[in-house]
Amino acid sequence: KTNDFLPDVKFQEGNLINGDQFSVQTSKADVHWLHENVGIPSSHSTTALMTENCGKLGACSDIPSDLLEINAFDAGWRFREEKIIMESIAEKATQHFFYGSKKANPESFDGFGARYNSLSKCQNSKNVIDCGGRSGDGELTSIWLVGWGDMVHGLYPKGTKAGIQVNDEGVVWMDDGTGRNTQMKVNRTTYKWNLGLSVRDWRCVVRLANIPVQALRDGRGIGSGDVKVDKNLLMIMTEALYKIPANQRKGLRIYMNNDVFAGLNVIAQRSQSNVIKFMDASKEFGENGSWTSFMGVPLRQVDELHNKEEEVK
């Protein structure tokens, strides 16, 4: 799977052993016109205390010691065997950033989807845009605009380290699974990752919800390139960009899955639009790649964003 999400996440240390606590402004102080010989009314802003939680992902790799011996205890071979676990952890974390919820997993944290899940019931509903798809239309998905920075960032608990912590536990004995009460020797590696999500300003995230995937494939509705007739996806994305505060657009990224990514480029071809540009880039670990951007904002392909989302109402 393609996962261009995690390299964008900026992680910051929280001030709690299980997360972060901070205050947010809920109203501004009143300002008054003054009259001669009349005092100045007192005023002050109001704040609310917010808490963001972290969760812990974990995994354990047991490689039979006999296999290690056959491969001359080669560290490179062992790493290749265990790499799939690292990839699984990355996929699980990415999935949780978008779809995770404390209601479903109390030991975890709320992802973006748990926070931006209504078109009208809460304040941040202003940043949830309905793209017109309905439950009966088949596959539905979302595009996410995220303004990474001090207002939106990843989180790790106070006194811990950022990133996946890998520990070689050495040789241990375990049941070989044959049902004969026999033991086998394995080399065990454990993986742990303390992480969370902090959204201090809801205006820095926009969800384009209820995207009908089939309409993109068929070139109709939001998938059409005829700007004279339809409000297509390019137009909706332009609307979404201007919901992000201007001072947060520097760290802005746009996330979508492969189907939307392909559909978006086809729309651009149909409408002869030049707002999508292919740019050469270098990935974090030196692998050359080709990114795309929309109006200067990088697009990221994240296949953990699936097409089986429920309709957002």
C-alpha atoms as a PDB file:
ATOM      1  CA  LYS A   1       0.000   0.000   0.000  1.00  0.00           C
ATOM      2  CA  THR A   2       1.019   3.584  -0.615  1.00  0.00           C
ATOM      3  CA  ASN A   3       1.288   5.584   2.599  1.00  0.00           C
ATOM      4  CA  ASP A   4       2.459   9.170   2.169  1.00  0.00           C
ATOM      5  CA  PHE A   5       0.915  10.297   5.455  1.00  0.00           C
ATOM      6  CA  LEU A   6       3.263   9.572   8.358  1.00  0.00           C
ATOM      7  CA  PRO A   7       6.288  11.541   7.027  1.00  0.00           C
ATOM      8  CA  ASP A   8       4.119  14.697   7.222  1.00  0.00           C
ATOM      9  CA  VAL A   9       3.115  14.282  10.872  1.00  0.00           C
ATOM     10  CA  LYS A  10       5.035  16.546  13.248  1.00  0.00           C
ATOM     11  CA  PHE A  11       5.176  14.981  16.707  1.00  0.00           C
ATOM     12  CA  GLN A  12       5.439  17.035  19.895  1.00  0.00           C
ATOM     13  CA  GLU A  13       5.911  15.938  23.497  1.00  0.00           C
ATOM     14  CA  GLY A  14       2.865  16.305  25.716  1.00  0.00           C
ATOM     15  CA  ASN A  15       2.829  17.538  29.309  1.00  0.00           C
ATOM     16  CA  LEU A  16       1.008  14.479  30.746  1.00  0.00           C
ATOM     17  CA  ILE A  17       2.169  10.894  31.135  1.00  0.00           C
ATOM     18  CA  ASN A  18      -0.679   9.816  28.845  1.00  0.00           C
ATOM     19  CA  GLY A  19      -1.103  12.855  26.605  1.00  0.00           C
ATOM     20  CA  ASP A  20      -1.361  16.631  26.733  1.00  0.00           C
ATOM     21  CA  GLN A  21      -3.510  19.228  28.481  1.00  0.00           C
ATOM     22  CA  PHE A  22      -3.903  22.798  27.265  1.00  0.00           C
ATOM     23  CA  SER A  23      -6.306  25.734  27.262  1.00  0.00           C
ATOM     24  CA  VAL A  24      -8.089  27.100  24.213  1.00  0.00           C
ATOM     25  CA  GLN A  25      -9.733  30.489  23.852  1.00  0.00           C
ATOM     26  CA  THR A  26     -13.530  30.277  23.678  1.00  0.00           C
ATOM     27  CA  SER A  27     -14.325  34.005  23.468  1.00  0.00           C
ATOM     28  CA  LYS A  28     -12.521  37.292  23.019  1.00  0.00           C
ATOM     29  CA  ALA A  29     -12.546  40.241  25.390  1.00  0.00           C
ATOM     30  CA  ASP A  30     -15.133  42.956  24.688  1.00  0.00           C
ATOM     31  CA  VAL A  31     -13.880  46.266  23.313  1.00  0.00           C
ATOM     32  CA  HIS A  32     -15.921  49.456  23.802  1.00  0.00           C
ATOM     33  CA  TRP A  33     -16.260  52.904  22.331  1.00  0.00           C
ATOM     34  CA  LEU A  34     -15.473  55.423  25.060  1.00  0.00           C
ATOM     35  CA  HIS A  35     -17.154  58.647  26.102  1.00  0.00           C
ATOM     36  CA  GLU A  36     -15.660  61.636  27.846  1.00  0.00           C
ATOM     37  CA  ASN A  37     -15.797  61.392  31.640  1.00  0.00           C
ATOM     38  CA  VAL A  38     -16.957  57.747  31.452  1.00  0.00           C
ATOM     39  CA  GLY A  39     -14.876  54.867  32.727  1.00  0.00           C
ATOM     40  CA  ILE A  40     -13.694  51.872  30.720  1.00  0.00           C
ATOM     41  CA  PRO A  41     -15.765  48.718  31.298  1.00  0.00           C
ATOM     42  CA  SER A  42     -13.740  45.702  32.357  1.00  0.00           C
ATOM     43  CA  SER A  43     -13.614  42.745  30.029  1.00  0.00           C
ATOM     44  CA  HIS A  44     -11.696  39.527  29.578  1.00  0.00           C
ATOM     45  CA  SER A  45     -11.566  36.535  27.292  1.00  0.00           C
ATOM     46  CA  THR A  46     -12.687  33.065  28.310  1.00  0.00           C
ATOM     47  CA  THR A  47     -10.867  29.763  27.920  1.00  0.00           C
ATOM     48  CA  ALA A  48     -11.592  26.067  28.243  1.00  0.00           C
ATOM     49  CA  LEU A  49      -9.271  23.272  29.364  1.00  0.00           C
ATOM     50  CA  MET A  50      -8.773  20.513  26.798  1.00  0.00           C
ATOM     51  CA  THR A  51      -7.070  17.118  27.099  1.00  0.00           C
ATOM     52  CA  GLU A  52      -5.702  14.967  24.291  1.00  0.00           C
ATOM     53  CA  ASN A  53      -4.875  11.328  24.996  1.00  0.00           C
ATOM     54  CA  CYS A  54      -2.217   9.027  23.622  1.00  0.00           C
ATOM     55  CA  GLY A  55      -2.449   5.326  22.935  1.00  0.00           C
ATOM     56  CA  LYS A  56       0.206   2.630  22.616  1.00  0.00           C
ATOM     57  CA  LEU A  57       0.613   0.359  19.627  1.00  0.00           C
ATOM     58  CA  GLY A  58       2.560  -2.821  20.226  1.00  0.00           C
ATOM     59  CA  ALA A  59       3.760  -5.903  18.391  1.00  0.00           C
ATOM     60  CA  CYS A  60       6.038  -8.863  19.033  1.00  0.00           C
ATOM     61  CA  SER A  61       8.188 -10.707  16.508  1.00  0.00           C
ATOM     62  CA  ASP A  62       9.337 -14.274  17.222  1.00  0.00           C
ATOM     63  CA  ILE A  63      11.811 -15.710  14.714  1.00  0.00           C
ATOM     64  CA  PRO A  64      12.837 -19.355  15.210  1.00  0.00           C
ATOM     65  CA  SER A  65      16.447 -19.434  16.319  1.00  0.00           C
ATOM     66  CA  ASP A  66      17.134 -22.297  13.891  1.00  0.00           C
ATOM     67  CA  LEU A  67      16.318 -20.019  10.949  1.00  0.00           C
ATOM     68  CA  LEU A  68      18.628 -17.350  12.286  1.00  0.00           C
ATOM     69  CA  GLU A  69      21.403 -19.895  12.624  1.00  0.00           C
ATOM     70  CA  ILE A  70      20.870 -21.147   9.061  1.00  0.00           C
ATOM     71  CA  ASN A  71      21.192 -17.535   7.865  1.00  0.00           C
ATOM     72  CA  ALA A  72      24.389 -17.013   9.885  1.00  0.00           C
ATOM     73  CA  PHE A  73      22.608 -14.650  12.313  1.00  0.00           C
ATOM     74  CA  ASP A  74      22.675 -12.011   9.572  1.00  0.00           C
ATOM     75  CA  ALA A  75      21.171  -8.739  10.865  1.00  0.00           C
ATOM     76  CA  GLY A  76      20.034  -7.734   7.385  1.00  0.00           C
ATOM     77  CA  TRP A  77      18.120 -10.986   6.914  1.00  0.00           C
ATOM     78  CA  ARG A  78      16.474 -10.580  10.309  1.00  0.00           C
ATOM     79  CA  PHE A  79      15.499  -7.008   9.538  1.00  0.00           C
ATOM     80  CA  ARG A  80      13.877  -8.056   6.261  1.00  0.00           C
ATOM     81  CA  GLU A  81      11.897 -10.700   8.126  1.00  0.00           C
ATOM     82  CA  GLU A  82      10.686  -8.192  10.703  1.00  0.00           C
ATOM     83  CA  LYS A  83      10.127  -5.282   8.307  1.00  0.00           C
ATOM     84  CA  ILE A  84       6.554  -6.408   7.667  1.00  0.00           C
ATOM     85  CA  ILE A  85       5.750  -5.730  11.326  1.00  0.00           C
ATOM     86  CA  MET A  86       7.048  -2.176  11.013  1.00  0.00           C
ATOM     87  CA  GLU A  87       4.890  -1.706   7.919  1.00  0.00           C
ATOM     88  CA  SER A  88       1.854  -3.105   9.740  1.00  0.00           C
ATOM     89  CA  ILE A  89       2.394  -0.713  12.642  1.00  0.00           C
ATOM     90  CA  ALA A  90       2.643   2.205  10.205  1.00  0.00           C
ATOM     91  CA  GLU A  91      -0.582   1.138   8.459  1.00  0.00           C
ATOM     92  CA  LYS A  92      -2.393   0.701  11.778  1.00  0.00           C
ATOM     93  CA  ALA A  93      -1.260   4.118  13.007  1.00  0.00           C
ATOM     94  CA  THR A  94      -2.277   5.835   9.763  1.00  0.00           C
ATOM     95  CA  GLN A  95      -5.655   4.134   9.794  1.00  0.00           C
ATOM     96  CA  HIS A  96      -6.216   5.268  13.374  1.00  0.00           C
ATOM     97  CA  PHE A  97      -5.287   8.898  12.625  1.00  0.00           C
ATOM     98  CA  PHE A  98      -8.262   8.999  10.260  1.00  0.00           C
ATOM     99  CA  TYR A  99     -10.758   6.453  11.615  1.00  0.00           C
ATOM    100  CA  GLY A 100      -9.789   5.744  15.219  1.00  0.00           C
ATOM    101  CA  SER A 101     -12.034   6.556  18.162  1.00  0.00           C
ATOM    102  CA  LYS A 102     -11.809   6.209  21.919  1.00  0.00           C
ATOM    103  CA  LYS A 103     -15.399   5.014  21.919  1.00  0.00           C
ATOM    104  CA  ALA A 104     -14.418   1.921  19.959  1.00  0.00           C
ATOM    105  CA  ASN A 105     -10.974   1.539  21.595  1.00  0.00           C
ATOM    106  CA  PRO A 106     -10.850   3.286  25.005  1.00  0.00           C
ATOM    107  CA  GLU A 107      -7.095   2.707  25.243  1.00  0.00           C
ATOM    108  CA  SER A 108      -6.486   4.690  22.029  1.00  0.00           C
ATOM    109  CA  PHE A 109      -7.224   8.266  20.870  1.00  0.00           C
ATOM    110  CA  ASP A 110      -9.733  10.029  18.621  1.00  0.00           C
ATOM    111  CA  GLY A 111      -8.674  10.400  14.994  1.00  0.00           C
ATOM    112  CA  PHE A 112      -9.846  13.022  12.523  1.00  0.00           C
ATOM    113  CA  GLY A 113     -12.978  11.091  11.584  1.00  0.00           C
ATOM    114  CA  ALA A 114     -14.269  10.984  15.165  1.00  0.00           C
ATOM    115  CA  ARG A 115     -13.909  14.770  15.373  1.00  0.00           C
ATOM    116  CA  TYR A 116     -15.276  15.774  11.957  1.00  0.00           C
ATOM    117  CA  ASN A 117     -18.297  13.495  11.670  1.00  0.00           C
ATOM    118  CA  SER A 118     -21.301  15.797  11.266  1.00  0.00           C
ATOM    119  CA  LEU A 119     -22.557  18.351   8.754  1.00  0.00           C
ATOM    120  CA  SER A 120     -24.399  20.445  11.323  1.00  0.00           C
ATOM    121  CA  LYS A 121     -24.285  19.202  14.927  1.00  0.00           C
ATOM    122  CA  CYS A 122     -21.092  20.893  16.182  1.00  0.00           C
ATOM    123  CA  GLN A 123     -18.921  23.949  15.654  1.00  0.00           C
ATOM    124  CA  ASN A 124     -16.381  22.231  13.442  1.00  0.00           C
ATOM    125  CA  SER A 125     -19.191  21.111  11.112  1.00  0.00           C
ATOM    126  CA  LYS A 126     -18.335  24.310   9.225  1.00  0.00           C
ATOM    127  CA  ASN A 127     -15.243  22.470   8.033  1.00  0.00           C
ATOM    128  CA  VAL A 128     -17.082  19.359   6.859  1.00  0.00           C
ATOM    129  CA  ILE A 129     -18.107  19.760   3.209  1.00  0.00           C
ATOM    130  CA  ASP A 130     -20.800  17.507   1.742  1.00  0.00           C
ATOM    131  CA  CYS A 131     -19.725  16.247  -1.699  1.00  0.00           C
ATOM    132  CA  GLY A 132     -23.161  14.865  -2.481  1.00  0.00           C
ATOM    133  CA  GLY A 133     -22.719  11.111  -2.192  1.00  0.00           C
ATOM    134  CA  ARG A 134     -25.388   9.113  -0.365  1.00  0.00           C
ATOM    135  CA  SER A 135     -25.547   5.666   1.205  1.00  0.00           C
ATOM    136  CA  GLY A 136     -27.360   4.264  -1.837  1.00  0.00           C
ATOM    137  CA  ASP A 137     -24.697   5.492  -4.254  1.00  0.00           C
ATOM    138  CA  GLY A 138     -22.241   2.727  -3.452  1.00  0.00           C
ATOM    139  CA  GLU A 139     -18.695   3.517  -2.365  1.00  0.00           C
ATOM    140  CA  LEU A 140     -18.056   6.695  -0.374  1.00  0.00           C
ATOM    141  CA  THR A 141     -14.758   8.199   0.744  1.00  0.00           C
ATOM    142  CA  SER A 142     -13.231  11.493   1.936  1.00  0.00           C
ATOM    143  CA  ILE A 143     -10.457  13.930   1.144  1.00  0.00           C
ATOM    144  CA  TRP A 144      -8.707  15.554   4.099  1.00  0.00           C
ATOM    145  CA  LEU A 145      -6.948  18.913   4.232  1.00  0.00           C
ATOM    146  CA  VAL A 146      -4.681  19.179   7.274  1.00  0.00           C
ATOM    147  CA  GLY A 147      -2.700  22.257   8.302  1.00  0.00           C
ATOM    148  CA  TRP A 148       0.180  20.732  10.282  1.00  0.00           C
ATOM    149  CA  GLY A 149       1.854  22.964  12.847  1.00  0.00           C
ATOM    150  CA  ASP A 150       1.392  24.090  16.438  1.00  0.00           C
ATOM    151  CA  MET A 151      -2.398  23.826  16.115  1.00  0.00           C
ATOM    152  CA  VAL A 152      -2.470  20.321  14.612  1.00  0.00           C
ATOM    153  CA  HIS A 153       0.274  17.814  15.338  1.00  0.00           C
ATOM    154  CA  GLY A 154       1.088  14.316  16.481  1.00  0.00           C
ATOM    155  CA  LEU A 155       1.641  13.687  20.164  1.00  0.00           C
ATOM    156  CA  TYR A 156       3.718  11.493  22.439  1.00  0.00           C
ATOM    157  CA  PRO A 157       3.527  11.345  26.271  1.00  0.00           C
ATOM    158  CA  LYS A 158       5.717  13.318  28.625  1.00  0.00           C
ATOM    159  CA  GLY A 159       9.024  11.658  29.377  1.00  0.00           C
ATOM    160  CA  THR A 160       8.849   9.202  26.471  1.00  0.00           C
ATOM    161  CA  LYS A 161      10.504   9.114  23.071  1.00  0.00           C
ATOM    162  CA  ALA A 162       8.954   9.855  19.698  1.00  0.00           C
ATOM    163  CA  GLY A 163       8.682   7.055  17.161  1.00  0.00           C
ATOM    164  CA  ILE A 164       8.660   3.276  17.346  1.00  0.00           C
ATOM    165  CA  GLN A 165      10.773   1.830  20.152  1.00  0.00           C
ATOM    166  CA  VAL A 166      12.398  -1.458  19.113  1.00  0.00           C
ATOM    167  CA  ASN A 167      13.840  -3.821  21.740  1.00  0.00           C
ATOM    168  CA  ASP A 168      15.739  -7.054  21.141  1.00  0.00           C
ATOM    169  CA  GLU A 169      14.549  -9.308  23.971  1.00  0.00           C
ATOM    170  CA  GLY A 170      17.042 -12.046  23.142  1.00  0.00           C
ATOM    171  CA  VAL A 171      16.312 -15.774  23.125  1.00  0.00           C
ATOM    172  CA  VAL A 172      13.121 -17.084  24.746  1.00  0.00           C
ATOM    173  CA  TRP A 173      11.300 -20.418  24.783  1.00  0.00           C
ATOM    174  CA  MET A 174       7.700 -20.687  23.606  1.00  0.00           C
ATOM    175  CA  ASP A 175       5.115 -23.334  22.799  1.00  0.00           C
ATOM    176  CA  ASP A 176       5.622 -24.591  19.250  1.00  0.00           C
ATOM    177  CA  GLY A 177       1.884 -24.796  18.577  1.00  0.00           C
ATOM    178  CA  THR A 178       1.860 -28.534  17.841  1.00  0.00           C
ATOM    179  CA  GLY A 179      -0.316 -29.379  20.831  1.00  0.00           C
ATOM    180  CA  ARG A 180       2.323 -31.789  22.162  1.00  0.00           C
ATOM    181  CA  ASN A 181       3.402 -29.471  25.010  1.00  0.00           C
ATOM    182  CA  THR A 182       6.797 -28.993  23.352  1.00  0.00           C
ATOM    183  CA  GLN A 183       8.884 -25.842  23.337  1.00  0.00           C
ATOM    184  CA  MET A 184      10.915 -24.084  20.644  1.00  0.00           C
ATOM    185  CA  LYS A 185      13.638 -21.478  20.922  1.00  0.00           C
ATOM    186  CA  VAL A 186      12.972 -18.103  19.255  1.00  0.00           C
ATOM    187  CA  ASN A 187      14.624 -14.706  19.058  1.00  0.00           C
ATOM    188  CA  ARG A 188      12.088 -12.118  20.179  1.00  0.00           C
ATOM    189  CA  THR A 189      11.828  -8.441  19.225  1.00  0.00           C
ATOM    190  CA  THR A 190       9.171  -6.148  20.702  1.00  0.00           C
ATOM    191  CA  TYR A 191       7.843  -2.952  19.158  1.00  0.00           C
ATOM    192  CA  LYS A 192       6.021  -0.163  21.005  1.00  0.00           C
ATOM    193  CA  TRP A 193       4.803   3.223  19.819  1.00  0.00           C
ATOM    194  CA  ASN A 194       3.221   5.850  22.079  1.00  0.00           C
ATOM    195  CA  LEU A 195       1.303   8.292  19.904  1.00  0.00           C
ATOM    196  CA  GLY A 196      -1.719  10.540  19.750  1.00  0.00           C
ATOM    197  CA  LEU A 197      -3.289  13.432  17.842  1.00  0.00           C
ATOM    198  CA  SER A 198      -3.720  17.013  19.015  1.00  0.00           C
ATOM    199  CA  VAL A 199      -6.145  19.389  17.274  1.00  0.00           C
ATOM    200  CA  ARG A 200      -6.016  22.703  19.098  1.00  0.00           C
ATOM    201  CA  ASP A 201      -7.808  24.698  16.389  1.00  0.00           C
ATOM    202  CA  TRP A 202     -10.579  22.932  14.487  1.00  0.00           C
ATOM    203  CA  ARG A 203     -10.320  25.459  11.638  1.00  0.00           C
ATOM    204  CA  CYS A 204      -6.992  23.893  10.565  1.00  0.00           C
ATOM    205  CA  VAL A 205      -8.612  20.691   9.273  1.00  0.00           C
ATOM    206  CA  VAL A 206     -11.218  20.307   6.515  1.00  0.00           C
ATOM    207  CA  ARG A 207     -13.002  17.121   5.506  1.00  0.00           C
ATOM    208  CA  LEU A 208     -14.518  16.684   2.042  1.00  0.00           C
ATOM    209  CA  ALA A 209     -16.987  13.957   2.978  1.00  0.00           C
ATOM    210  CA  ASN A 210     -19.426  11.800   1.019  1.00  0.00           C
ATOM    211  CA  ILE A 211     -17.330  11.643  -2.148  1.00  0.00           C
ATOM    212  CA  PRO A 212     -19.101   9.209  -4.538  1.00  0.00           C
ATOM    213  CA  VAL A 213     -16.264   7.122  -5.970  1.00  0.00           C
ATOM    214  CA  GLN A 214     -18.304   5.795  -8.905  1.00  0.00           C
ATOM    215  CA  ALA A 215     -19.097   9.344 -10.046  1.00  0.00           C
ATOM    216  CA  LEU A 216     -15.370   9.997 -10.274  1.00  0.00           C
ATOM    217  CA  ARG A 217     -14.901   6.846 -12.349  1.00  0.00           C
ATOM    218  CA  ASP A 218     -17.815   7.716 -14.658  1.00  0.00           C
ATOM    219  CA  GLY A 219     -16.944  11.388 -15.080  1.00  0.00           C
ATOM    220  CA  ARG A 220     -20.301  12.653 -13.876  1.00  0.00           C
ATOM    221  CA  GLY A 221     -21.359  14.988 -11.077  1.00  0.00           C
ATOM    222  CA  ILE A 222     -18.317  15.971  -9.062  1.00  0.00           C
ATOM    223  CA  GLY A 223     -16.265  13.823 -11.441  1.00  0.00           C
ATOM    224  CA  SER A 224     -17.107  15.978 -14.437  1.00  0.00           C
ATOM    225  CA  GLY A 225     -14.656  18.407 -15.956  1.00  0.00           C
ATOM    226  CA  ASP A 226     -17.388  20.674 -17.327  1.00  0.00           C
ATOM    227  CA  VAL A 227     -17.155  23.675 -15.005  1.00  0.00           C
ATOM    228  CA  LYS A 228     -20.089  25.347 -16.752  1.00  0.00           C
ATOM    229  CA  VAL A 229     -22.519  22.668 -15.621  1.00  0.00           C
ATOM    230  CA  ASP A 230     -21.231  20.874 -12.552  1.00  0.00           C
ATOM    231  CA  LYS A 231     -19.616  21.816  -9.289  1.00  0.00           C
ATOM    232  CA  ASN A 232     -16.784  19.366  -9.728  1.00  0.00           C
ATOM    233  CA  LEU A 233     -14.257  18.136  -7.203  1.00  0.00           C
ATOM    234  CA  LEU A 234     -11.667  20.722  -8.228  1.00  0.00           C
ATOM    235  CA  MET A 235     -14.095  23.512  -7.389  1.00  0.00           C
ATOM    236  CA  ILE A 236     -14.998  21.928  -4.038  1.00  0.00           C
ATOM    237  CA  MET A 237     -11.317  21.550  -3.151  1.00  0.00           C
ATOM    238  CA  THR A 238     -10.759  25.220  -3.935  1.00  0.00           C
ATOM    239  CA  GLU A 239     -13.589  26.094  -1.549  1.00  0.00           C
ATOM    240  CA  ALA A 240     -12.038  23.878   1.124  1.00  0.00           C
ATOM    241  CA  LEU A 241      -8.607  25.508   0.846  1.00  0.00           C
ATOM    242  CA  TYR A 242      -9.970  28.880   1.864  1.00  0.00           C
ATOM    243  CA  LYS A 243     -11.505  27.469   5.029  1.00  0.00           C
ATOM    244  CA  ILE A 244      -7.988  26.987   6.416  1.00  0.00           C
ATOM    245  CA  PRO A 245      -6.612  30.071   8.240  1.00  0.00           C
ATOM    246  CA  ALA A 246      -4.047  31.844   6.074  1.00  0.00           C
ATOM    247  CA  ASN A 247      -1.296  31.473   8.683  1.00  0.00           C
ATOM    248  CA  GLN A 248      -1.748  27.678   8.732  1.00  0.00           C
ATOM    249  CA  ARG A 249      -1.546  27.039   4.990  1.00  0.00           C
ATOM    250  CA  LYS A 250       2.233  26.746   4.998  1.00  0.00           C
ATOM    251  CA  GLY A 251       2.017  23.268   6.522  1.00  0.00           C
ATOM    252  CA  LEU A 252      -1.074  22.259   4.567  1.00  0.00           C
ATOM    253  CA  ARG A 253      -1.313  18.805   2.995  1.00  0.00           C
ATOM    254  CA  ILE A 254      -4.156  17.094   1.105  1.00  0.00           C
ATOM    255  CA  TYR A 255      -4.799  13.365   1.650  1.00  0.00           C
ATOM    256  CA  MET A 256      -6.794  10.989  -0.570  1.00  0.00           C
ATOM    257  CA  ASN A 257      -6.740   7.368  -1.687  1.00  0.00           C
ATOM    258  CA  ASN A 258      -5.674   6.011  -5.060  1.00  0.00           C
ATOM    259  CA  ASP A 259      -9.175   6.086  -6.589  1.00  0.00           C
ATOM    260  CA  VAL A 260      -9.651   9.756  -5.787  1.00  0.00           C
ATOM    261  CA  PHE A 261      -6.078  10.529  -6.786  1.00  0.00           C
ATOM    262  CA  ALA A 262      -6.659   9.014 -10.220  1.00  0.00           C
ATOM    263  CA  GLY A 263     -10.093  10.613 -10.571  1.00  0.00           C
ATOM    264  CA  LEU A 264      -8.753  14.031  -9.718  1.00  0.00           C
ATOM    265  CA  ASN A 265      -6.135  13.877 -12.434  1.00  0.00           C
ATOM    266  CA  VAL A 266      -8.736  12.720 -14.964  1.00  0.00           C
ATOM    267  CA  ILE A 267     -10.967  15.675 -14.029  1.00  0.00           C
ATOM    268  CA  ALA A 268      -8.024  17.974 -14.603  1.00  0.00           C
ATOM    269  CA  GLN A 269      -7.579  16.500 -18.063  1.00  0.00           C
ATOM    270  CA  ARG A 270     -11.275  16.808 -18.868  1.00  0.00           C
ATOM    271  CA  SER A 271     -11.337  20.448 -17.801  1.00  0.00           C
ATOM    272  CA  GLN A 272      -7.899  21.209 -19.256  1.00  0.00           C
ATOM    273  CA  SER A 273      -6.983  22.517 -15.826  1.00  0.00           C
ATOM    274  CA  ASN A 274      -3.411  23.389 -14.894  1.00  0.00           C
ATOM    275  CA  VAL A 275      -3.966  23.536 -11.152  1.00  0.00           C
ATOM    276  CA  ILE A 276      -2.577  20.041 -10.688  1.00  0.00           C
ATOM    277  CA  LYS A 277       1.147  19.963 -11.307  1.00  0.00           C
ATOM    278  CA  PHE A 278       3.591  17.098 -11.109  1.00  0.00           C
ATOM    279  CA  MET A 279       6.727  17.995  -9.226  1.00  0.00           C
ATOM    280  CA  ASP A 280       9.929  16.124  -8.554  1.00  0.00           C
ATOM    281  CA  ALA A 281      10.583  15.531  -4.894  1.00  0.00           C
ATOM    282  CA  SER A 282      12.776  13.491  -2.622  1.00  0.00           C
ATOM    283  CA  LYS A 283      11.304  11.290   0.071  1.00  0.00           C
ATOM    284  CA  GLU A 284      12.563  11.294   3.616  1.00  0.00           C
ATOM    285  CA  PHE A 285      14.920   8.352   3.103  1.00  0.00           C
ATOM    286  CA  GLY A 286      16.353   9.482  -0.200  1.00  0.00           C
ATOM    287  CA  GLU A 287      13.990   7.633  -2.550  1.00  0.00           C
ATOM    288  CA  ASN A 288      13.156   9.856  -5.487  1.00  0.00           C
ATOM    289  CA  GLY A 289       9.466  10.184  -6.122  1.00  0.00           C
ATOM    290  CA  SER A 290       6.932  12.290  -7.967  1.00  0.00           C
ATOM    291  CA  TRP A 291       4.466  14.329  -5.922  1.00  0.00           C
ATOM    292  CA  THR A 292       1.503  16.290  -7.180  1.00  0.00           C
ATOM    293  CA  SER A 293       0.105  19.543  -5.880  1.00  0.00           C
ATOM    294  CA  PHE A 294      -3.195  21.372  -6.014  1.00  0.00           C
ATOM    295  CA  MET A 295      -2.855  25.156  -6.126  1.00  0.00           C
ATOM    296  CA  GLY A 296       0.591  24.743  -4.605  1.00  0.00           C
ATOM    297  CA  VAL A 297      -0.520  22.367  -1.821  1.00  0.00           C
ATOM    298  CA  PRO A 298       1.066  18.871  -1.924  1.00  0.00           C
ATOM    299  CA  LEU A 299      -1.266  15.959  -2.568  1.00  0.00           C
ATOM    300  CA  ARG A 300      -0.588  12.724  -0.703  1.00  0.00           C
ATOM    301  CA  GLN A 301      -1.812   9.255  -1.599  1.00  0.00           C
ATOM    302  CA  VAL A 302      -2.952   7.303   1.465  1.00  0.00           C
ATOM    303  CA  ASP A 303      -4.509   3.937   0.710  1.00  0.00           C
ATOM    304  CA  GLU A 304      -5.638   3.540   4.327  1.00  0.00           C
ATOM    305  CA  LEU A 305      -8.416   5.973   3.353  1.00  0.00           C
ATOM    306  CA  HIS A 306     -10.964   3.419   2.182  1.00  0.00           C
ATOM    307  CA  ASN A 307     -14.119   3.562   0.045  1.00  0.00           C
ATOM    308  CA  LYS A 308     -16.441   2.054   2.642  1.00  0.00           C
ATOM    309  CA  GLU A 309     -17.147   5.143   4.726  1.00  0.00           C
ATOM    310  CA  GLU A 310     -20.610   5.711   6.119  1.00  0.00           C
ATOM    311  CA  GLU A 311     -22.521   8.727   4.889  1.00  0.00           C
ATOM    312  CA  VAL A 312     -21.776  11.819   6.986  1.00  0.00           C
ATOM    313  CA  LYS A 313     -25.051  13.578   7.829  1.00  0.00           C
END
